[in-house]
Amino acid sequence: MSAVEPWLRGPVPGVNPFLMPMVHGFTQALEEVERAVAGLSVEQVWTRPGGAASVGYHLRHLAGSTSRLIAYAQGRKLTADELASIRTEAEPGDPAATPEQLLAQMRESINAAIEVVKRTPQESLLDARSVGRAALPSNVLGLLAHASEHAQRHAGQVVTTAKIVVGS
């Protein structure tokens, strides 16, 4: 990982310049989370300081919400499994998911999102898309931008919560 933030590293090969901010955002979220989670124990990942959401929840939600938003951007409805996973994002599981497992899920989701961004034709950016059961209006560009922003938001929560549970 570079000390220079992704948005200052220049163009990413194969990415439309209009979509570069989304790839930079996804990359920054991934890098920040990997640094923050390194060395955390299973117990620390699932600790809920002061009743706040755990690092584990934020990792699962970051991965799941990114996948769901990308599905909407592609014009796809969510599967029953994707919908069911929403209800279990805060649960550690039995046995509890490890930091490595959670990071792998997040990496897979973000890398898949970056690939979708790379393959998205510029002429489709304003194509209408609907979101959720209520079929709320959006478009491809709005969904890609929100997916990247949302990933960054939860990355920030991972960083903060990890610092709290470690005590630094």
Foldseek 3Di string as FASTA:
>chain_A
DDPDQQVPPDADPLFDPVLRVLLSLLVNLLVLLVVLCPPDWLCQQLDAVVNHQGLQLLLLCLLLVLQQLVCQLVQHDDDPVSVVVVVCSRPLDVVGDTSVRSSVSSVVSSVVLVVSNSVDDPVQFAPWTFDDPVRHIDGNVVSSVVSSVSSNVSSVVSNVSSCVSVVD
